[in-house]
C-alpha atoms as a PDB file:
ATOM      1  CA  MET A   1      63.932 -40.290-175.276  1.00  0.00           C
ATOM      2  CA  SER A   2      64.084 -43.723-176.782  1.00  0.00           C
ATOM      3  CA  GLY A   3      64.652 -45.870-179.810  1.00  0.00           C
ATOM      4  CA  HIS A   4      67.727 -47.001-181.659  1.00  0.00           C
ATOM      5  CA  SER A   5      69.137 -44.087-183.648  1.00  0.00           C
ATOM      6  CA  LYS A   6      66.127 -43.792-185.911  1.00  0.00           C
ATOM      7  CA  TRP A   7      66.055 -40.098-186.778  1.00  0.00           C
ATOM      8  CA  GLU A   8      62.261 -40.288-187.046  1.00  0.00           C
ATOM      9  CA  ASN A   9      62.173 -40.381-183.241  1.00  0.00           C
ATOM     10  CA  ILE A  10      63.475 -36.830-183.166  1.00  0.00           C
ATOM     11  CA  LYS A  11      60.852 -35.648-185.632  1.00  0.00           C
ATOM     12  CA  ARG A  12      58.116 -37.348-183.627  1.00  0.00           C
ATOM     13  CA  LYS A  13      59.185 -35.556-180.473  1.00  0.00           C
ATOM     14  CA  LYS A  14      58.908 -32.184-182.190  1.00  0.00           C
ATOM     15  CA  GLY A  15      55.166 -32.794-182.461  1.00  0.00           C
ATOM     16  CA  ALA A  16      54.714 -33.854-178.845  1.00  0.00           C
ATOM     17  CA  THR A  17      51.537 -32.917-176.992  1.00  0.00           C
ATOM     18  CA  ASP A  18      51.633 -30.612-173.960  1.00  0.00           C
ATOM     19  CA  ALA A  19      51.290 -33.581-171.613  1.00  0.00           C
ATOM     20  CA  ALA A  20      54.146 -35.419-173.288  1.00  0.00           C
ATOM     21  CA  ARG A  21      56.240 -32.247-173.283  1.00  0.00           C
ATOM     22  CA  ALA A  22      55.705 -31.795-169.536  1.00  0.00           C
ATOM     23  CA  LYS A  23      56.874 -35.359-168.967  1.00  0.00           C
ATOM     24  CA  ILE A  24      59.966 -34.738-171.092  1.00  0.00           C
ATOM     25  CA  PHE A  25      60.691 -31.640-168.975  1.00  0.00           C
ATOM     26  CA  THR A  26      60.451 -33.754-165.807  1.00  0.00           C
ATOM     27  CA  LYS A  27      62.797 -36.446-167.114  1.00  0.00           C
ATOM     28  CA  ILE A  28      65.415 -33.973-168.350  1.00  0.00           C
ATOM     29  CA  GLY A  29      65.144 -32.092-165.054  1.00  0.00           C
ATOM     30  CA  ARG A  30      65.926 -35.277-163.158  1.00  0.00           C
ATOM     31  CA  GLU A  31      68.968 -35.895-165.373  1.00  0.00           C
ATOM     32  CA  ILE A  32      70.213 -32.350-164.794  1.00  0.00           C
ATOM     33  CA  SER A  33      69.756 -32.677-161.043  1.00  0.00           C
ATOM     34  CA  VAL A  34      71.826 -35.872-160.887  1.00  0.00           C
ATOM     35  CA  CYS A  35      74.472 -34.408-163.197  1.00  0.00           C
ATOM     36  CA  VAL A  36      74.888 -31.271-161.063  1.00  0.00           C
ATOM     37  CA  LYS A  37      75.257 -33.306-157.869  1.00  0.00           C
ATOM     38  CA  GLN A  38      77.889 -35.493-159.505  1.00  0.00           C
ATOM     39  CA  GLY A  39      79.867 -32.958-161.513  1.00  0.00           C
ATOM     40  CA  GLY A  40      79.040 -29.478-160.259  1.00  0.00           C
ATOM     41  CA  ALA A  41      76.769 -26.642-161.335  1.00  0.00           C
ATOM     42  CA  ASP A  42      79.195 -24.864-163.684  1.00  0.00           C
ATOM     43  CA  PRO A  43      78.592 -25.934-167.302  1.00  0.00           C
ATOM     44  CA  ALA A  44      82.094 -24.722-168.218  1.00  0.00           C
ATOM     45  CA  GLY A  45      83.611 -27.486-166.119  1.00  0.00           C
ATOM     46  CA  ASN A  46      80.869 -30.075-166.553  1.00  0.00           C
ATOM     47  CA  ALA A  47      80.594 -31.278-170.156  1.00  0.00           C
ATOM     48  CA  LYS A  48      77.677 -33.569-169.356  1.00  0.00           C
ATOM     49  CA  LEU A  49      75.754 -30.609-167.933  1.00  0.00           C
ATOM     50  CA  ARG A  50      76.442 -28.621-171.099  1.00  0.00           C
ATOM     51  CA  ASP A  51      74.962 -31.475-173.134  1.00  0.00           C
ATOM     52  CA  LEU A  52      71.892 -31.688-170.896  1.00  0.00           C
ATOM     53  CA  ILE A  53      71.309 -27.930-171.064  1.00  0.00           C
ATOM     54  CA  ALA A  54      71.478 -28.166-174.866  1.00  0.00           C
ATOM     55  CA  LYS A  55      69.105 -31.134-174.739  1.00  0.00           C
ATOM     56  CA  ALA A  56      66.692 -29.214-172.532  1.00  0.00           C
ATOM     57  CA  LYS A  57      66.734 -26.207-174.837  1.00  0.00           C
ATOM     58  CA  SER A  58      66.197 -28.389-177.917  1.00  0.00           C
ATOM     59  CA  ASN A  59      63.079 -29.728-176.158  1.00  0.00           C
ATOM     60  CA  ASN A  60      61.899 -26.165-175.469  1.00  0.00           C
ATOM     61  CA  VAL A  61      62.459 -26.271-171.711  1.00  0.00           C
ATOM     62  CA  PRO A  62      62.378 -22.599-170.589  1.00  0.00           C
ATOM     63  CA  ASN A  63      65.705 -21.124-169.455  1.00  0.00           C
ATOM     64  CA  ASP A  64      64.186 -20.167-166.090  1.00  0.00           C
ATOM     65  CA  ASN A  65      63.269 -23.809-165.467  1.00  0.00           C
ATOM     66  CA  ILE A  66      66.786 -24.952-166.329  1.00  0.00           C
ATOM     67  CA  ASP A  67      68.378 -22.371-164.029  1.00  0.00           C
ATOM     68  CA  ARG A  68      66.002 -23.252-161.195  1.00  0.00           C
ATOM     69  CA  ILE A  69      66.786 -26.983-161.453  1.00  0.00           C
ATOM     70  CA  ILE A  70      70.548 -26.328-161.445  1.00  0.00           C
ATOM     71  CA  LYS A  71      70.391 -23.985-158.449  1.00  0.00           C
ATOM     72  CA  LYS A  72      68.183 -26.362-156.484  1.00  0.00           C
ATOM     73  CA  ALA A  73      70.464 -29.334-157.168  1.00  0.00           C
ATOM     74  CA  ALA A  74      73.551 -27.324-156.243  1.00  0.00           C
ATOM     75  CA  GLY A  75      72.060 -26.167-152.919  1.00  0.00           C
ATOM     76  CA  ASP A  76      70.582 -27.895-149.914  1.00  0.00           C
ATOM     77  CA  GLY A  77      66.974 -27.628-151.071  1.00  0.00           C
ATOM     78  CA  ASP A  78      66.949 -30.750-153.220  1.00  0.00           C
ATOM     79  CA  LYS A  79      66.525 -33.776-150.955  1.00  0.00           C
ATOM     80  CA  ASN A  80      65.876 -36.198-153.810  1.00  0.00           C
ATOM     81  CA  ASN A  81      68.628 -38.761-154.264  1.00  0.00           C
ATOM     82  CA  TYR A  82      68.185 -40.594-157.541  1.00  0.00           C
ATOM     83  CA  GLU A  83      70.015 -43.800-158.341  1.00  0.00           C
ATOM     84  CA  SER A  84      70.743 -45.052-161.829  1.00  0.00           C
ATOM     85  CA  MET A  85      69.255 -48.479-162.595  1.00  0.00           C
ATOM     86  CA  VAL A  86      69.239 -50.497-165.824  1.00  0.00           C
ATOM     87  CA  TYR A  87      66.731 -53.248-166.563  1.00  0.00           C
ATOM     88  CA  GLU A  88      66.883 -55.678-169.482  1.00  0.00           C
ATOM     89  CA  GLY A  89      64.353 -58.010-170.973  1.00  0.00           C
ATOM     90  CA  TYR A  90      62.428 -59.240-173.974  1.00  0.00           C
ATOM     91  CA  GLY A  91      59.245 -57.952-175.520  1.00  0.00           C
ATOM     92  CA  PRO A  92      56.897 -59.987-177.717  1.00  0.00           C
ATOM     93  CA  CYS A  93      58.651 -62.141-180.364  1.00  0.00           C
ATOM     94  CA  GLY A  94      61.957 -61.797-178.556  1.00  0.00           C
ATOM     95  CA  VAL A  95      62.500 -58.066-179.134  1.00  0.00           C
ATOM     96  CA  ALA A  96      65.446 -56.987-176.963  1.00  0.00           C
ATOM     97  CA  VAL A  97      64.711 -54.091-174.608  1.00  0.00           C
ATOM     98  CA  ILE A  98      66.968 -52.041-172.328  1.00  0.00           C
ATOM     99  CA  VAL A  99      65.377 -49.628-169.848  1.00  0.00           C
ATOM    100  CA  GLU A 100      67.485 -46.936-168.166  1.00  0.00           C
ATOM    101  CA  CYS A 101      65.999 -45.386-165.021  1.00  0.00           C
ATOM    102  CA  LEU A 102      66.714 -42.758-162.395  1.00  0.00           C
ATOM    103  CA  THR A 103      64.815 -43.663-159.246  1.00  0.00           C
ATOM    104  CA  ASP A 104      64.516 -42.772-155.569  1.00  0.00           C
ATOM    105  CA  ASN A 105      62.850 -46.135-154.837  1.00  0.00           C
ATOM    106  CA  LYS A 106      64.425 -49.194-156.486  1.00  0.00           C
ATOM    107  CA  ASN A 107      61.746 -51.607-155.277  1.00  0.00           C
ATOM    108  CA  ARG A 108      58.928 -49.526-156.744  1.00  0.00           C
ATOM    109  CA  THR A 109      60.682 -49.038-160.058  1.00  0.00           C
ATOM    110  CA  ALA A 110      61.721 -52.681-160.459  1.00  0.00           C
ATOM    111  CA  GLY A 111      58.168 -53.794-159.686  1.00  0.00           C
ATOM    112  CA  ASP A 112      56.682 -51.372-162.202  1.00  0.00           C
ATOM    113  CA  ILE A 113      59.089 -52.331-164.984  1.00  0.00           C
ATOM    114  CA  ARG A 114      58.533 -56.058-164.395  1.00  0.00           C
ATOM    115  CA  HIS A 115      54.758 -55.477-164.432  1.00  0.00           C
ATOM    116  CA  PHE A 116      54.940 -53.744-167.830  1.00  0.00           C
ATOM    117  CA  PHE A 117      56.959 -56.590-169.347  1.00  0.00           C
ATOM    118  CA  ASP A 118      54.548 -59.190-167.982  1.00  0.00           C
ATOM    119  CA  LYS A 119      51.411 -57.242-168.955  1.00  0.00           C
ATOM    120  CA  PHE A 120      52.372 -56.947-172.620  1.00  0.00           C
ATOM    121  CA  GLY A 121      53.714 -60.396-173.413  1.00  0.00           C
ATOM    122  CA  GLY A 122      57.361 -59.944-172.529  1.00  0.00           C
ATOM    123  CA  ASN A 123      59.581 -60.854-169.630  1.00  0.00           C
ATOM    124  CA  MET A 124      62.201 -58.983-167.656  1.00  0.00           C
ATOM    125  CA  GLY A 125      65.529 -60.787-167.682  1.00  0.00           C
ATOM    126  CA  THR A 126      68.758 -60.668-165.736  1.00  0.00           C
ATOM    127  CA  SER A 127      71.469 -58.064-166.102  1.00  0.00           C
ATOM    128  CA  GLY A 128      73.400 -58.629-169.326  1.00  0.00           C
ATOM    129  CA  CYS A 129      70.757 -60.777-171.018  1.00  0.00           C
ATOM    130  CA  VAL A 130      70.401 -58.383-173.996  1.00  0.00           C
ATOM    131  CA  SER A 131      72.997 -55.633-173.477  1.00  0.00           C
ATOM    132  CA  PHE A 132      75.595 -57.636-175.418  1.00  0.00           C
ATOM    133  CA  MET A 133      73.445 -56.992-178.497  1.00  0.00           C
ATOM    134  CA  PHE A 134      73.898 -53.219-178.224  1.00  0.00           C
ATOM    135  CA  SER A 135      76.850 -50.856-178.627  1.00  0.00           C
ATOM    136  CA  ASP A 136      77.280 -47.400-177.113  1.00  0.00           C
ATOM    137  CA  VAL A 137      77.304 -44.806-179.899  1.00  0.00           C
ATOM    138  CA  GLY A 138      77.317 -41.031-179.772  1.00  0.00           C
ATOM    139  CA  THR A 139      74.371 -39.670-181.730  1.00  0.00           C
ATOM    140  CA  VAL A 140      74.035 -36.048-182.783  1.00  0.00           C
ATOM    141  CA  VAL A 141      71.029 -34.912-184.807  1.00  0.00           C
ATOM    142  CA  ILE A 142      71.088 -31.530-186.544  1.00  0.00           C
ATOM    143  CA  GLU A 143      68.654 -29.709-188.785  1.00  0.00           C
ATOM    144  CA  ASN A 144      69.343 -30.065-192.493  1.00  0.00           C
ATOM    145  CA  ASN A 145      70.093 -26.495-193.542  1.00  0.00           C
ATOM    146  CA  GLY A 146      69.974 -27.350-197.236  1.00  0.00           C
ATOM    147  CA  ALA A 147      73.722 -27.208-197.719  1.00  0.00           C
ATOM    148  CA  ASP A 148      75.427 -29.262-200.410  1.00  0.00           C
ATOM    149  CA  GLU A 149      75.978 -32.836-199.242  1.00  0.00           C
ATOM    150  CA  ASP A 150      79.728 -32.571-199.856  1.00  0.00           C
ATOM    151  CA  LYS A 151      79.816 -29.530-197.555  1.00  0.00           C
ATOM    152  CA  ILE A 152      77.769 -31.359-194.928  1.00  0.00           C
ATOM    153  CA  MET A 153      80.136 -34.344-195.121  1.00  0.00           C
ATOM    154  CA  GLU A 154      83.177 -32.095-194.783  1.00  0.00           C
ATOM    155  CA  ASP A 155      81.701 -30.296-191.773  1.00  0.00           C
ATOM    156  CA  CYS A 156      80.575 -33.500-190.056  1.00  0.00           C
ATOM    157  CA  PHE A 157      83.956 -35.209-190.347  1.00  0.00           C
ATOM    158  CA  GLU A 158      85.788 -32.040-189.348  1.00  0.00           C
ATOM    159  CA  ALA A 159      83.593 -31.940-186.223  1.00  0.00           C
ATOM    160  CA  GLY A 160      84.636 -35.496-185.336  1.00  0.00           C
ATOM    161  CA  ALA A 161      81.862 -37.638-186.821  1.00  0.00           C
ATOM    162  CA  ASP A 162      82.447 -41.285-187.707  1.00  0.00           C
ATOM    163  CA  ASP A 163      79.460 -41.416-190.058  1.00  0.00           C
ATOM    164  CA  PHE A 164      76.419 -39.377-191.055  1.00  0.00           C
ATOM    165  CA  ASN A 165      73.032 -39.876-192.667  1.00  0.00           C
ATOM    166  CA  VAL A 166      71.124 -37.123-194.502  1.00  0.00           C
ATOM    167  CA  GLU A 167      67.326 -37.191-194.298  1.00  0.00           C
ATOM    168  CA  ASP A 168      64.869 -34.652-195.712  1.00  0.00           C
ATOM    169  CA  ASP A 169      64.973 -32.279-192.760  1.00  0.00           C
ATOM    170  CA  VAL A 170      67.532 -33.748-190.342  1.00  0.00           C
ATOM    171  CA  ILE A 171      71.072 -35.079-190.437  1.00  0.00           C
ATOM    172  CA  GLY A 172      71.961 -37.948-188.132  1.00  0.00           C
ATOM    173  CA  ILE A 173      75.592 -38.166-187.061  1.00  0.00           C
ATOM    174  CA  SER A 174      77.368 -41.053-185.326  1.00  0.00           C
ATOM    175  CA  CYS A 175      80.499 -40.505-183.256  1.00  0.00           C
ATOM    176  CA  ASP A 176      82.491 -41.826-180.312  1.00  0.00           C
ATOM    177  CA  PRO A 177      80.162 -41.654-177.260  1.00  0.00           C
ATOM    178  CA  ASN A 178      82.887 -39.800-175.348  1.00  0.00           C
ATOM    179  CA  LYS A 179      83.064 -37.096-178.018  1.00  0.00           C
ATOM    180  CA  VAL A 180      79.401 -36.085-178.113  1.00  0.00           C
ATOM    181  CA  SER A 181      80.036 -32.724-176.423  1.00  0.00           C
ATOM    182  CA  ALA A 182      82.944 -31.865-178.700  1.00  0.00           C
ATOM    183  CA  VAL A 183      81.040 -32.821-181.866  1.00  0.00           C
ATOM    184  CA  ARG A 184      77.935 -30.899-180.784  1.00  0.00           C
ATOM    185  CA  GLU A 185      79.918 -27.766-179.926  1.00  0.00           C
ATOM    186  CA  ALA A 186      81.903 -27.941-183.185  1.00  0.00           C
ATOM    187  CA  LEU A 187      78.729 -28.202-185.255  1.00  0.00           C
ATOM    188  CA  GLU A 188      77.069 -25.371-183.340  1.00  0.00           C
ATOM    189  CA  GLY A 189      80.179 -23.306-184.011  1.00  0.00           C
ATOM    190  CA  MET A 190      79.676 -23.976-187.732  1.00  0.00           C
ATOM    191  CA  GLY A 191      76.132 -22.620-187.494  1.00  0.00           C
ATOM    192  CA  TYR A 192      74.147 -25.865-187.407  1.00  0.00           C
ATOM    193  CA  LYS A 193      71.099 -26.174-185.154  1.00  0.00           C
ATOM    194  CA  VAL A 194      71.520 -29.236-182.944  1.00  0.00           C
ATOM    195  CA  LEU A 195      68.262 -31.068-182.164  1.00  0.00           C
ATOM    196  CA  SER A 196      69.735 -33.842-180.030  1.00  0.00           C
ATOM    197  CA  ALA A 197      73.161 -34.900-178.785  1.00  0.00           C
ATOM    198  CA  GLU A 198      73.662 -37.875-176.494  1.00  0.00           C
ATOM    199  CA  ALA A 199      75.131 -41.328-176.159  1.00  0.00           C
ATOM    200  CA  GLU A 200      72.716 -44.065-177.204  1.00  0.00           C
ATOM    201  CA  LYS A 201      72.645 -47.831-177.339  1.00  0.00           C
ATOM    202  CA  VAL A 202      72.442 -49.092-180.905  1.00  0.00           C
ATOM    203  CA  PRO A 203      71.570 -52.751-181.628  1.00  0.00           C
ATOM    204  CA  SER A 204      73.820 -54.955-183.732  1.00  0.00           C
ATOM    205  CA  SER A 205      70.810 -56.832-185.131  1.00  0.00           C
ATOM    206  CA  TYR A 206      67.072 -56.281-185.374  1.00  0.00           C
ATOM    207  CA  THR A 207      63.915 -58.289-184.759  1.00  0.00           C
ATOM    208  CA  THR A 208      60.839 -58.069-186.994  1.00  0.00           C
ATOM    209  CA  ILE A 209      57.313 -58.641-185.694  1.00  0.00           C
ATOM    210  CA  GLU A 210      54.768 -59.963-188.192  1.00  0.00           C
ATOM    211  CA  ASP A 211      51.825 -60.731-185.896  1.00  0.00           C
ATOM    212  CA  GLU A 212      49.498 -57.724-185.482  1.00  0.00           C
ATOM    213  CA  ASP A 213      48.577 -58.575-181.888  1.00  0.00           C
ATOM    214  CA  ALA A 214      52.251 -58.875-180.956  1.00  0.00           C
ATOM    215  CA  MET A 215      52.964 -55.562-182.684  1.00  0.00           C
ATOM    216  CA  LYS A 216      50.213 -53.905-180.656  1.00  0.00           C
ATOM    217  CA  LYS A 217      51.548 -55.368-177.408  1.00  0.00           C
ATOM    218  CA  MET A 218      55.114 -54.297-178.222  1.00  0.00           C
ATOM    219  CA  GLY A 219      53.915 -50.775-178.957  1.00  0.00           C
ATOM    220  CA  LEU A 220      52.028 -50.653-175.656  1.00  0.00           C
ATOM    221  CA  LEU A 221      55.058 -51.987-173.767  1.00  0.00           C
ATOM    222  CA  LEU A 222      57.209 -49.158-175.122  1.00  0.00           C
ATOM    223  CA  GLU A 223      54.442 -46.618-174.470  1.00  0.00           C
ATOM    224  CA  TYR A 224      54.020 -47.636-170.832  1.00  0.00           C
ATOM    225  CA  LEU A 225      57.763 -47.769-170.227  1.00  0.00           C
ATOM    226  CA  GLU A 226      58.352 -44.334-171.705  1.00  0.00           C
ATOM    227  CA  ASP A 227      55.414 -42.890-169.778  1.00  0.00           C
ATOM    228  CA  ASP A 228      56.863 -43.988-166.415  1.00  0.00           C
ATOM    229  CA  ASP A 229      58.421 -41.064-164.538  1.00  0.00           C
ATOM    230  CA  ASP A 230      61.398 -43.148-163.407  1.00  0.00           C
ATOM    231  CA  VAL A 231      62.328 -44.221-166.948  1.00  0.00           C
ATOM    232  CA  GLN A 232      64.852 -42.034-168.747  1.00  0.00           C
ATOM    233  CA  ASN A 233      65.601 -44.028-171.895  1.00  0.00           C
ATOM    234  CA  VAL A 234      64.261 -47.121-173.618  1.00  0.00           C
ATOM    235  CA  TYR A 235      66.321 -48.883-176.281  1.00  0.00           C
ATOM    236  CA  HIS A 236      65.103 -51.788-178.399  1.00  0.00           C
ATOM    237  CA  ASN A 237      65.801 -53.676-181.616  1.00  0.00           C
ATOM    238  CA  TRP A 238      62.296 -53.722-183.088  1.00  0.00           C
ATOM    239  CA  GLU A 239      62.965 -53.294-186.796  1.00  0.00           C
ATOM    240  CA  ASN A 240      59.497 -52.577-188.194  1.00  0.00           C
ATOM    241  CA  MET A 241      58.257 -50.248-185.444  1.00  0.00           C
ATOM    242  CA  PRO A 242      55.448 -48.062-186.837  1.00  0.00           C
ATOM    243  CA  VAL A 243      56.456 -44.396-187.156  1.00  0.00           C
ATOM    244  CA  GLU A 244      53.861 -41.924-185.934  1.00  0.00           C
ATOM    245  CA  GLU A 245      53.143 -38.913-188.061  1.00  0.00           C
ATOM    246  CA  GLU A 246      53.621 -35.437-186.619  1.00  0.00           C
ATOM    247  CA  GLU A 247      50.450 -33.742-185.491  1.00  0.00           C
END
């Protein structure tokens, strides 16, 4: 649920542990709950909900869990009122970091996020201090079905892609952030398996860390941020971030 359009992030998630998977379920559930309250419980009339249901399924969230979250959010049983908050700051060596949260307690969340920045050699800044370095981009990741690259290119552009990148087992597609739903649905209609489809923040430039201690601290900062229940997405411009191998 983080990164900067590095397709390896998707592959890493596929090998998530049970504990990590449970946390992913919780975060997606919170997103679905907020989406239903804002746009209604009918996926046919709520494109964002359709995207989140697809996201939940791609992360192996059981259908019963998805249905239960939607029904609870649409009824009177869900008393949780989550508010969207965005925090910006710098990690070690000036790495730009944006943290998107859904919280029912702004004071708690702000305190926790600030603590993580301070603990691992960074500092939380003011609103807008790093966001100007990022652009909103729609990102759709599909499984590489082994088709000819010319065919893949034709299908991607027909679906509404602006650009695409073929890896060994996945294809990363960039598009207008407002067209994510349309691109995802078009590709699914062509028979592709969509692994992820959402708007992301992509940096215009990247920062490299050479010092091993700073690299360790930056890795821990991202780990602690992503592990926090209130944090939905973490975006950064760390260029040489180590890529974990699948288990």
